[in-house]
Amino acid sequence: MASQEDGTPTIEHRGSAGGAKTGMIAIGLGVVVAVAVGVGMAPRLMDFVRGPSSSARTVSSSISSSQPAPSPPVKPETPVTTESIETLLADLDQAVKRKDVEGVLRHIAPDAVILIHMKQGAHHQTALLSREEYRKALAAEFAFLSADNSARVNTKVSLAPDERSAKISFKTTETLRQAEREFTVEGEHTLLVTMRGGKPTIVSLERDVPGDST
């Protein structure tokens, strides 16, 4: 009897005519011996019959014990909650007031999609930025931002039914100072947030900047 790679026994089949005749002769002799010896041979025949079954049970048990252990249960993902979103937005507000570029970026995924829509009168322009490019844009913006003059209003949070993501939209008002002149800039933000590393992380960011509204 051979064995496959996974431990399952394989039975070798002999298909020759000689093998078939030998089997028939063996069966015939077994019947003659059983009739000649009579009842005294019965216990030995029963042992012969039980033998292969016992061996089969042993092989089956060996195969069962060699099966790999079941995988541990997968830990469920942490859901996005209203509370975690509020914490995220509060951290972003404080980072903007401190003009802390890295404080804002730590909440944005490295592979986040960042779109900036700029509007000035009849002119419209859209820029697709990498996270590094957005770092430079924020640094330039914060250089002109007046301290504590930014505000977030009309915040709306929509949690996905599976609680794995959330869409956030809000408007901002910022006062910028340039060449002894101050002007107000209003913008709209749309964020897509998912859980990464157990905390909500921005994976998509869109900003509409209409320009000087004064």
C-alpha atoms as a PDB file:
ATOM      1  CA  MET A   1       0.000   0.000   0.000  1.00  0.00           C
ATOM      2  CA  ALA A   2       1.470   3.360  -1.073  1.00  0.00           C
ATOM      3  CA  SER A   3       0.807   6.765   0.464  1.00  0.00           C
ATOM      4  CA  GLN A   4      -0.011  10.116  -1.131  1.00  0.00           C
ATOM      5  CA  GLU A   5       1.748  13.317  -0.098  1.00  0.00           C
ATOM      6  CA  ASP A   6      -1.150  14.357   2.194  1.00  0.00           C
ATOM      7  CA  GLY A   7      -0.966  11.072   4.123  1.00  0.00           C
ATOM      8  CA  THR A   8      -4.008   9.453   2.449  1.00  0.00           C
ATOM      9  CA  PRO A   9      -3.343   5.792   1.654  1.00  0.00           C
ATOM     10  CA  THR A  10      -3.654   4.674  -1.964  1.00  0.00           C
ATOM     11  CA  ILE A  11      -4.607   1.182  -3.032  1.00  0.00           C
ATOM     12  CA  GLU A  12      -2.607  -0.431  -5.800  1.00  0.00           C
ATOM     13  CA  HIS A  13      -4.859  -2.170  -8.329  1.00  0.00           C
ATOM     14  CA  ARG A  14      -3.485  -5.096 -10.286  1.00  0.00           C
ATOM     15  CA  GLY A  15      -5.380  -5.541 -13.538  1.00  0.00           C
ATOM     16  CA  SER A  16      -3.540  -8.577 -15.011  1.00  0.00           C
ATOM     17  CA  ALA A  17      -5.328 -11.806 -15.816  1.00  0.00           C
ATOM     18  CA  GLY A  18      -2.868 -13.751 -13.666  1.00  0.00           C
ATOM     19  CA  GLY A  19      -3.749 -11.638 -10.645  1.00  0.00           C
ATOM     20  CA  ALA A  20      -7.459 -12.299 -11.175  1.00  0.00           C
ATOM     21  CA  LYS A  21      -6.950 -16.050 -11.419  1.00  0.00           C
ATOM     22  CA  THR A  22      -4.825 -16.099  -8.261  1.00  0.00           C
ATOM     23  CA  GLY A  23      -7.576 -14.263  -6.398  1.00  0.00           C
ATOM     24  CA  MET A  24     -10.222 -16.747  -7.552  1.00  0.00           C
ATOM     25  CA  ILE A  25      -8.022 -19.716  -6.532  1.00  0.00           C
ATOM     26  CA  ALA A  26      -7.426 -18.193  -3.082  1.00  0.00           C
ATOM     27  CA  ILE A  27     -11.173 -17.666  -2.564  1.00  0.00           C
ATOM     28  CA  GLY A  28     -11.875 -21.253  -3.642  1.00  0.00           C
ATOM     29  CA  LEU A  29      -9.315 -22.681  -1.236  1.00  0.00           C
ATOM     30  CA  GLY A  30     -10.702 -20.581   1.578  1.00  0.00           C
ATOM     31  CA  VAL A  31     -14.170 -22.063   1.079  1.00  0.00           C
ATOM     32  CA  VAL A  32     -12.811 -25.646   1.004  1.00  0.00           C
ATOM     33  CA  VAL A  33     -10.782 -25.117   4.198  1.00  0.00           C
ATOM     34  CA  ALA A  34     -13.742 -23.573   5.994  1.00  0.00           C
ATOM     35  CA  VAL A  35     -15.987 -26.523   5.096  1.00  0.00           C
ATOM     36  CA  ALA A  36     -13.314 -29.122   6.025  1.00  0.00           C
ATOM     37  CA  VAL A  37     -12.306 -27.625   9.386  1.00  0.00           C
ATOM     38  CA  GLY A  38     -15.806 -26.571  10.349  1.00  0.00           C
ATOM     39  CA  VAL A  39     -16.782 -24.456  13.333  1.00  0.00           C
ATOM     40  CA  GLY A  40     -13.352 -24.593  14.937  1.00  0.00           C
ATOM     41  CA  MET A  41     -11.989 -22.308  12.188  1.00  0.00           C
ATOM     42  CA  ALA A  42     -14.698 -19.677  12.589  1.00  0.00           C
ATOM     43  CA  PRO A  43     -12.991 -17.607  15.334  1.00  0.00           C
ATOM     44  CA  ARG A  44      -9.813 -17.361  13.257  1.00  0.00           C
ATOM     45  CA  LEU A  45     -11.780 -16.339  10.191  1.00  0.00           C
ATOM     46  CA  MET A  46     -13.571 -13.671  12.240  1.00  0.00           C
ATOM     47  CA  ASP A  47     -10.190 -12.358  13.402  1.00  0.00           C
ATOM     48  CA  PHE A  48      -9.094 -12.245   9.770  1.00  0.00           C
ATOM     49  CA  VAL A  49     -12.253 -10.300   8.850  1.00  0.00           C
ATOM     50  CA  ARG A  50     -11.901  -7.894  11.763  1.00  0.00           C
ATOM     51  CA  GLY A  51      -8.211  -7.287  11.108  1.00  0.00           C
ATOM     52  CA  PRO A  52      -8.449  -5.008   8.062  1.00  0.00           C
ATOM     53  CA  SER A  53     -11.261  -2.972   9.661  1.00  0.00           C
ATOM     54  CA  SER A  54      -9.139  -2.348  12.730  1.00  0.00           C
ATOM     55  CA  SER A  55      -6.218  -1.329  10.532  1.00  0.00           C
ATOM     56  CA  ALA A  56      -8.469   1.000   8.546  1.00  0.00           C
ATOM     57  CA  ARG A  57      -9.634   2.627  11.782  1.00  0.00           C
ATOM     58  CA  THR A  58      -6.016   3.140  12.807  1.00  0.00           C
ATOM     59  CA  VAL A  59      -5.144   4.769   9.482  1.00  0.00           C
ATOM     60  CA  SER A  60      -8.258   6.962   9.649  1.00  0.00           C
ATOM     61  CA  SER A  61      -7.353   8.071  13.162  1.00  0.00           C
ATOM     62  CA  SER A  62      -3.809   8.851  12.026  1.00  0.00           C
ATOM     63  CA  ILE A  63      -5.108  10.931   9.131  1.00  0.00           C
ATOM     64  CA  SER A  64      -7.515  12.842  11.357  1.00  0.00           C
ATOM     65  CA  SER A  65      -4.791  13.665  13.881  1.00  0.00           C
ATOM     66  CA  SER A  66      -2.541  15.014  11.111  1.00  0.00           C
ATOM     67  CA  GLN A  67      -5.063  17.661  10.017  1.00  0.00           C
ATOM     68  CA  PRO A  68      -3.932  21.261  10.693  1.00  0.00           C
ATOM     69  CA  ALA A  69      -5.408  23.055  13.674  1.00  0.00           C
ATOM     70  CA  PRO A  70      -8.248  25.479  12.854  1.00  0.00           C
ATOM     71  CA  SER A  71      -7.235  29.110  12.343  1.00  0.00           C
ATOM     72  CA  PRO A  72      -7.916  31.471  15.243  1.00  0.00           C
ATOM     73  CA  PRO A  73     -10.990  33.678  14.820  1.00  0.00           C
ATOM     74  CA  VAL A  74     -10.373  36.920  12.920  1.00  0.00           C
ATOM     75  CA  LYS A  75     -10.514  39.958  15.164  1.00  0.00           C
ATOM     76  CA  PRO A  76     -13.377  42.219  14.041  1.00  0.00           C
ATOM     77  CA  GLU A  77     -12.433  45.618  12.669  1.00  0.00           C
ATOM     78  CA  THR A  78     -12.944  48.626  14.886  1.00  0.00           C
ATOM     79  CA  PRO A  79     -16.039  50.468  13.619  1.00  0.00           C
ATOM     80  CA  VAL A  80     -16.138  54.141  12.737  1.00  0.00           C
ATOM     81  CA  THR A  81     -18.248  55.976  15.310  1.00  0.00           C
ATOM     82  CA  THR A  82     -19.585  59.501  15.663  1.00  0.00           C
ATOM     83  CA  GLU A  83     -17.391  59.960  18.728  1.00  0.00           C
ATOM     84  CA  SER A  84     -14.208  58.987  16.868  1.00  0.00           C
ATOM     85  CA  ILE A  85     -15.097  61.372  14.030  1.00  0.00           C
ATOM     86  CA  GLU A  86     -15.662  64.216  16.492  1.00  0.00           C
ATOM     87  CA  THR A  87     -12.253  63.539  18.017  1.00  0.00           C
ATOM     88  CA  LEU A  88     -10.655  63.586  14.551  1.00  0.00           C
ATOM     89  CA  LEU A  89     -12.261  66.924  13.651  1.00  0.00           C
ATOM     90  CA  ALA A  90     -11.297  68.482  16.990  1.00  0.00           C
ATOM     91  CA  ASP A  91      -7.673  67.438  16.454  1.00  0.00           C
ATOM     92  CA  LEU A  92      -7.730  68.957  12.949  1.00  0.00           C
ATOM     93  CA  ASP A  93      -9.200  72.230  14.274  1.00  0.00           C
ATOM     94  CA  GLN A  94      -6.464  72.524  16.899  1.00  0.00           C
ATOM     95  CA  ALA A  95      -3.724  71.710  14.391  1.00  0.00           C
ATOM     96  CA  VAL A  96      -4.965  74.444  12.026  1.00  0.00           C
ATOM     97  CA  LYS A  97      -5.080  77.007  14.843  1.00  0.00           C
ATOM     98  CA  ARG A  98      -1.506  76.072  15.828  1.00  0.00           C
ATOM     99  CA  LYS A  99      -0.462  76.220  12.147  1.00  0.00           C
ATOM    100  CA  ASP A 100       0.802  72.686  12.681  1.00  0.00           C
ATOM    101  CA  VAL A 101       1.288  71.085   9.259  1.00  0.00           C
ATOM    102  CA  GLU A 102       2.348  67.701  10.647  1.00  0.00           C
ATOM    103  CA  GLY A 103      -0.585  67.762  13.066  1.00  0.00           C
ATOM    104  CA  VAL A 104      -2.919  67.853  10.074  1.00  0.00           C
ATOM    105  CA  LEU A 105      -0.991  65.326   7.971  1.00  0.00           C
ATOM    106  CA  ARG A 106      -0.880  62.658  10.684  1.00  0.00           C
ATOM    107  CA  HIS A 107      -4.604  62.148  10.085  1.00  0.00           C
ATOM    108  CA  ILE A 108      -4.181  61.753   6.303  1.00  0.00           C
ATOM    109  CA  ALA A 109      -3.223  58.377   4.804  1.00  0.00           C
ATOM    110  CA  PRO A 110      -0.001  58.254   2.736  1.00  0.00           C
ATOM    111  CA  ASP A 111      -2.018  57.065  -0.286  1.00  0.00           C
ATOM    112  CA  ALA A 112      -4.872  59.533   0.179  1.00  0.00           C
ATOM    113  CA  VAL A 113      -6.457  61.167  -2.884  1.00  0.00           C
ATOM    114  CA  ILE A 114      -6.261  64.960  -2.479  1.00  0.00           C
ATOM    115  CA  LEU A 115      -8.126  67.279  -4.848  1.00  0.00           C
ATOM    116  CA  ILE A 116      -8.073  71.078  -4.605  1.00  0.00           C
ATOM    117  CA  HIS A 117     -10.674  73.000  -6.608  1.00  0.00           C
ATOM    118  CA  MET A 118      -9.722  76.678  -6.972  1.00  0.00           C
ATOM    119  CA  LYS A 119     -12.221  79.260  -8.152  1.00  0.00           C
ATOM    120  CA  GLN A 120     -11.478  82.887  -8.833  1.00  0.00           C
ATOM    121  CA  GLY A 121     -14.270  84.666 -10.675  1.00  0.00           C
ATOM    122  CA  ALA A 122     -14.887  82.826 -13.935  1.00  0.00           C
ATOM    123  CA  HIS A 123     -11.663  80.849 -13.661  1.00  0.00           C
ATOM    124  CA  HIS A 124     -11.730  77.279 -12.319  1.00  0.00           C
ATOM    125  CA  GLN A 125      -8.766  75.008 -11.770  1.00  0.00           C
ATOM    126  CA  THR A 126      -8.398  71.565 -10.181  1.00  0.00           C
ATOM    127  CA  ALA A 127      -5.154  70.179  -8.801  1.00  0.00           C
ATOM    128  CA  LEU A 128      -4.474  66.578  -7.805  1.00  0.00           C
ATOM    129  CA  LEU A 129      -1.863  66.632  -5.049  1.00  0.00           C
ATOM    130  CA  SER A 130       0.220  63.983  -3.389  1.00  0.00           C
ATOM    131  CA  ARG A 131       0.502  64.002   0.381  1.00  0.00           C
ATOM    132  CA  GLU A 132       3.934  65.654   0.112  1.00  0.00           C
ATOM    133  CA  GLU A 133       2.596  68.329  -2.235  1.00  0.00           C
ATOM    134  CA  TYR A 134      -0.290  68.993   0.143  1.00  0.00           C
ATOM    135  CA  ARG A 135       2.260  69.436   2.934  1.00  0.00           C
ATOM    136  CA  LYS A 136       3.854  72.279   0.961  1.00  0.00           C
ATOM    137  CA  ALA A 137       0.447  73.825   0.166  1.00  0.00           C
ATOM    138  CA  LEU A 138      -0.537  73.778   3.847  1.00  0.00           C
ATOM    139  CA  ALA A 139       2.773  75.340   4.864  1.00  0.00           C
ATOM    140  CA  ALA A 140       2.212  78.177   2.365  1.00  0.00           C
ATOM    141  CA  GLU A 141      -1.371  78.649   3.576  1.00  0.00           C
ATOM    142  CA  PHE A 142      -0.403  78.697   7.245  1.00  0.00           C
ATOM    143  CA  ALA A 143       2.278  81.286   6.556  1.00  0.00           C
ATOM    144  CA  PHE A 144      -0.502  83.789   5.758  1.00  0.00           C
ATOM    145  CA  LEU A 145      -3.106  82.522   8.212  1.00  0.00           C
ATOM    146  CA  SER A 146      -4.029  84.930  11.004  1.00  0.00           C
ATOM    147  CA  ALA A 147      -3.884  83.240  14.403  1.00  0.00           C
ATOM    148  CA  ASP A 148      -7.178  81.857  15.751  1.00  0.00           C
ATOM    149  CA  ASN A 149      -9.104  83.248  12.793  1.00  0.00           C
ATOM    150  CA  SER A 150     -10.273  79.981  11.268  1.00  0.00           C
ATOM    151  CA  ALA A 151     -13.678  78.495  11.885  1.00  0.00           C
ATOM    152  CA  ARG A 152     -15.501  75.282  10.871  1.00  0.00           C
ATOM    153  CA  VAL A 153     -19.276  75.402  10.337  1.00  0.00           C
ATOM    154  CA  ASN A 154     -22.126  73.318   8.886  1.00  0.00           C
ATOM    155  CA  THR A 155     -20.436  69.997   9.655  1.00  0.00           C
ATOM    156  CA  LYS A 156     -22.268  66.896   8.411  1.00  0.00           C
ATOM    157  CA  VAL A 157     -21.199  63.316   9.133  1.00  0.00           C
ATOM    158  CA  SER A 158     -22.642  60.305   7.289  1.00  0.00           C
ATOM    159  CA  LEU A 159     -21.635  56.879   8.611  1.00  0.00           C
ATOM    160  CA  ALA A 160     -21.691  53.941   6.186  1.00  0.00           C
ATOM    161  CA  PRO A 161     -24.169  51.151   7.060  1.00  0.00           C
ATOM    162  CA  ASP A 162     -21.294  48.717   7.663  1.00  0.00           C
ATOM    163  CA  GLU A 163     -19.608  51.261  10.005  1.00  0.00           C
ATOM    164  CA  ARG A 164     -16.312  50.884   8.131  1.00  0.00           C
ATOM    165  CA  SER A 165     -16.202  54.396   6.671  1.00  0.00           C
ATOM    166  CA  ALA A 166     -17.726  57.847   6.979  1.00  0.00           C
ATOM    167  CA  LYS A 167     -18.213  60.878   4.759  1.00  0.00           C
ATOM    168  CA  ILE A 168     -17.665  64.292   6.328  1.00  0.00           C
ATOM    169  CA  SER A 169     -18.487  67.668   4.828  1.00  0.00           C
ATOM    170  CA  PHE A 170     -18.073  71.133   6.323  1.00  0.00           C
ATOM    171  CA  LYS A 171     -17.335  74.744   5.457  1.00  0.00           C
ATOM    172  CA  THR A 172     -14.462  76.855   6.715  1.00  0.00           C
ATOM    173  CA  THR A 173     -13.756  80.536   7.030  1.00  0.00           C
ATOM    174  CA  GLU A 174     -10.159  81.736   7.290  1.00  0.00           C
ATOM    175  CA  THR A 175      -8.649  85.195   7.549  1.00  0.00           C
ATOM    176  CA  LEU A 176      -5.381  85.599   5.692  1.00  0.00           C
ATOM    177  CA  ARG A 177      -2.929  88.480   5.953  1.00  0.00           C
ATOM    178  CA  GLN A 178      -0.750  89.526   3.044  1.00  0.00           C
ATOM    179  CA  ALA A 179       1.122  92.802   2.470  1.00  0.00           C
ATOM    180  CA  GLU A 180      -0.623  94.492   5.379  1.00  0.00           C
ATOM    181  CA  ARG A 181      -3.969  93.475   3.932  1.00  0.00           C
ATOM    182  CA  GLU A 182      -6.400  90.962   5.384  1.00  0.00           C
ATOM    183  CA  PHE A 183      -8.965  89.063   3.370  1.00  0.00           C
ATOM    184  CA  THR A 184     -11.381  86.272   4.141  1.00  0.00           C
ATOM    185  CA  VAL A 185     -11.312  82.952   2.352  1.00  0.00           C
ATOM    186  CA  GLU A 186     -14.237  80.576   2.519  1.00  0.00           C
ATOM    187  CA  GLY A 187     -13.920  76.944   1.548  1.00  0.00           C
ATOM    188  CA  GLU A 188     -15.768  73.670   1.468  1.00  0.00           C
ATOM    189  CA  HIS A 189     -14.241  70.365   2.546  1.00  0.00           C
ATOM    190  CA  THR A 190     -15.332  66.808   1.820  1.00  0.00           C
ATOM    191  CA  LEU A 191     -13.496  63.982   3.580  1.00  0.00           C
ATOM    192  CA  LEU A 192     -13.763  60.218   3.289  1.00  0.00           C
ATOM    193  CA  VAL A 193     -12.577  58.445   6.423  1.00  0.00           C
ATOM    194  CA  THR A 194     -11.873  54.774   7.116  1.00  0.00           C
ATOM    195  CA  MET A 195     -10.377  52.951  10.102  1.00  0.00           C
ATOM    196  CA  ARG A 196      -6.636  52.315   9.879  1.00  0.00           C
ATOM    197  CA  GLY A 197      -4.561  51.168  12.810  1.00  0.00           C
ATOM    198  CA  GLY A 198      -7.594  51.423  15.070  1.00  0.00           C
ATOM    199  CA  LYS A 199      -8.246  55.116  14.360  1.00  0.00           C
ATOM    200  CA  PRO A 200     -10.169  57.090  11.709  1.00  0.00           C
ATOM    201  CA  THR A 201      -7.891  58.136   8.850  1.00  0.00           C
ATOM    202  CA  ILE A 202      -8.587  60.425   5.891  1.00  0.00           C
ATOM    203  CA  VAL A 203      -8.249  58.499   2.611  1.00  0.00           C
ATOM    204  CA  SER A 204      -9.867  61.140   0.361  1.00  0.00           C
ATOM    205  CA  LEU A 205      -9.862  64.925   0.714  1.00  0.00           C
ATOM    206  CA  GLU A 206     -11.484  67.529  -1.524  1.00  0.00           C
ATOM    207  CA  ARG A 207     -11.330  71.263  -0.945  1.00  0.00           C
ATOM    208  CA  ASP A 208     -13.221  73.964  -2.822  1.00  0.00           C
ATOM    209  CA  VAL A 209     -11.470  77.313  -2.439  1.00  0.00           C
ATOM    210  CA  PRO A 210     -13.466  80.155  -4.009  1.00  0.00           C
ATOM    211  CA  GLY A 211     -10.823  82.781  -3.282  1.00  0.00           C
ATOM    212  CA  ASP A 212     -11.134  86.267  -1.807  1.00  0.00           C
ATOM    213  CA  SER A 213     -14.726  86.904  -0.790  1.00  0.00           C
ATOM    214  CA  THR A 214     -14.245  90.493   0.370  1.00  0.00           C
END
